[in-house]
Amino acid sequence: QVQLVESGGGLVQAGDSLRLSCVASGRTFSRSGMGWFRQAPGKGREFVAARSWTGGSTAYADSVKGRFTISRDNTKNTVDLQMNSLKSEDTAVYYCAGTTATRGAPSLEASYVYWGQGTQVTVSS
């Protein structure tokens, strides 16, 4: 059984930083893309960032470019999301996701097969 478990969420103030982590078990993602999505209250789930297994391809939503950084450790089967200069509009449940794609850093939700349970990030203004 494949499991993705996120951690690191919490309540912070605008301008603060937060680092989310996701560890996968039951399947190696060392040859697959991984990403982060988020869902704000009353809204649909949206793409945040993705990284290919080689690290040679990354993708970010325009709203987080320059503030968020996705990183991976294939030896540990983990993917992290460093979030800096947080804004109130970053408040959402953040989901880690894994794809079976061996190339690229997919931004489409439909490209992802495996999902974590989510971790809440709340940014107060």
Protein backbone atom coordinates (compact mmCIF):
# COMPACT_ATOMS: atom_id res chain seq x y z
CA GLN A 1 0.00 0.00 0.00
CA VAL A 2 1.40 3.34 -1.07
CA GLN A 3 1.28 6.09 1.52
CA LEU A 4 2.30 9.73 1.36
CA VAL A 5 2.47 11.50 4.70
CA GLU A 6 2.88 15.26 4.96
CA SER A 7 4.13 17.20 7.96
CA GLY A 8 5.22 20.69 8.85
CA GLY A 9 2.00 22.63 8.53
CA GLY A 10 0.90 25.16 11.11
CA LEU A 11 -0.14 28.69 11.93
CA VAL A 12 2.28 31.46 10.98
CA GLN A 13 2.18 35.19 10.38
CA ALA A 14 2.43 36.88 7.01
CA GLY A 15 6.06 37.16 5.96
CA ASP A 16 7.11 34.07 7.88
CA SER A 17 8.56 30.88 6.44
CA LEU A 18 7.44 27.28 6.73
CA ARG A 19 8.82 24.01 5.44
CA LEU A 20 6.56 21.13 4.50
CA SER A 21 7.85 17.59 4.23
CA CYS A 22 6.38 14.49 2.66
CA VAL A 23 7.64 10.94 3.05
CA ALA A 24 6.46 8.14 0.80
CA SER A 25 6.27 4.47 1.63
CA GLY A 26 5.13 1.37 -0.20
CA ARG A 27 6.59 2.51 -3.51
CA THR A 28 9.74 4.24 -4.58
CA PHE A 29 9.38 7.54 -6.40
CA SER A 30 13.05 7.70 -7.30
CA ARG A 31 12.09 7.45 -11.00
CA SER A 32 8.84 9.43 -10.86
CA GLY A 33 7.73 13.01 -10.54
CA MET A 34 6.40 14.39 -7.27
CA GLY A 35 4.55 17.57 -6.51
CA TRP A 36 2.55 19.72 -4.15
CA PHE A 37 -1.01 20.95 -4.50
CA ARG A 38 -3.19 23.02 -2.21
CA GLN A 39 -6.85 23.65 -1.57
CA ALA A 40 -8.09 26.84 0.05
CA PRO A 41 -11.48 27.00 1.79
CA GLY A 42 -14.29 27.05 -0.75
CA LYS A 43 -11.95 26.56 -3.69
CA GLY A 44 -10.76 23.68 -5.83
CA ARG A 45 -7.41 22.03 -5.49
CA GLU A 46 -4.66 23.86 -7.36
CA PHE A 47 -1.14 23.09 -8.45
CA VAL A 48 1.72 24.57 -6.41
CA ALA A 49 5.00 22.95 -7.47
CA ALA A 50 6.47 19.81 -9.00
CA ARG A 51 9.88 18.30 -9.55
CA SER A 52 11.06 15.51 -11.81
CA TRP A 53 12.98 12.60 -10.34
CA THR A 54 16.21 13.87 -11.84
CA GLY A 55 15.65 17.35 -10.50
CA GLY A 56 16.28 18.67 -13.97
CA SER A 57 12.72 19.82 -14.40
CA THR A 58 10.71 21.88 -11.95
CA ALA A 59 7.47 23.77 -12.25
CA TYR A 60 5.78 26.36 -10.05
CA ALA A 61 2.46 28.11 -10.01
CA ASP A 62 2.84 31.78 -10.86
CA SER A 63 1.48 32.73 -7.46
CA VAL A 64 4.39 31.06 -5.63
CA LYS A 65 7.31 31.63 -8.00
CA GLY A 66 10.25 33.21 -6.24
CA ARG A 67 8.82 32.37 -2.81
CA PHE A 68 8.47 28.58 -2.74
CA THR A 69 11.11 25.96 -3.50
CA ILE A 70 10.50 22.26 -4.04
CA SER A 71 13.25 19.77 -3.31
CA ARG A 72 13.58 16.02 -3.24
CA ASP A 73 15.74 13.33 -1.69
CA ASN A 74 15.32 10.22 -3.79
CA THR A 75 17.36 8.13 -1.35
CA LYS A 76 14.83 8.91 1.39
CA ASN A 77 11.75 8.96 -0.86
CA THR A 78 10.88 12.45 0.33
CA VAL A 79 9.79 15.74 -1.19
CA ASP A 80 9.86 19.07 0.64
CA LEU A 81 8.34 22.47 0.02
CA GLN A 82 10.14 25.48 1.44
CA MET A 83 7.71 28.38 1.67
CA ASN A 84 9.06 31.88 2.27
CA SER A 85 7.38 35.28 2.46
CA LEU A 86 4.07 33.65 3.19
CA LYS A 87 0.88 35.57 2.47
CA SER A 88 -2.64 35.18 3.80
CA GLU A 89 -3.69 33.86 0.39
CA ASP A 90 -1.34 30.91 0.88
CA THR A 91 -3.70 29.61 3.55
CA ALA A 92 -4.82 26.16 2.44
CA VAL A 93 -4.53 22.46 2.99
CA TYR A 94 -1.35 21.34 1.24
CA TYR A 95 -1.18 17.94 -0.41
CA CYS A 96 1.83 15.92 -1.46
CA ALA A 97 1.34 13.91 -4.64
CA GLY A 98 3.21 11.31 -6.64
CA THR A 99 2.96 10.51 -10.32
CA THR A 100 4.00 7.52 -12.34
CA ALA A 101 5.42 9.84 -15.00
CA THR A 102 9.12 9.24 -15.49
CA ARG A 103 9.68 12.51 -17.29
CA GLY A 104 9.05 16.10 -16.43
CA ALA A 105 7.29 17.84 -13.58
CA PRO A 106 3.57 17.57 -14.25
CA SER A 107 1.30 20.39 -13.17
CA LEU A 108 -1.97 18.68 -13.99
CA GLU A 109 -3.80 17.11 -11.09
CA ALA A 110 -4.89 14.24 -13.32
CA SER A 111 -1.24 13.26 -13.80
CA TYR A 112 -0.94 12.26 -10.15
CA VAL A 113 -1.96 8.87 -8.87
CA TYR A 114 -0.90 8.97 -5.24
CA TRP A 115 -1.97 11.56 -2.68
CA GLY A 116 -1.27 12.38 0.93
CA GLN A 117 -3.92 13.28 3.47
CA GLY A 118 -2.93 16.93 3.55
CA THR A 119 -1.48 19.33 6.10
CA GLN A 120 -3.04 22.65 7.08
CA VAL A 121 -1.14 25.89 6.56
CA THR A 122 -2.70 29.02 7.99
CA VAL A 123 -1.15 32.43 7.43
CA SER A 124 -2.49 35.27 9.54
CA SER A 125 -2.21 38.82 8.24
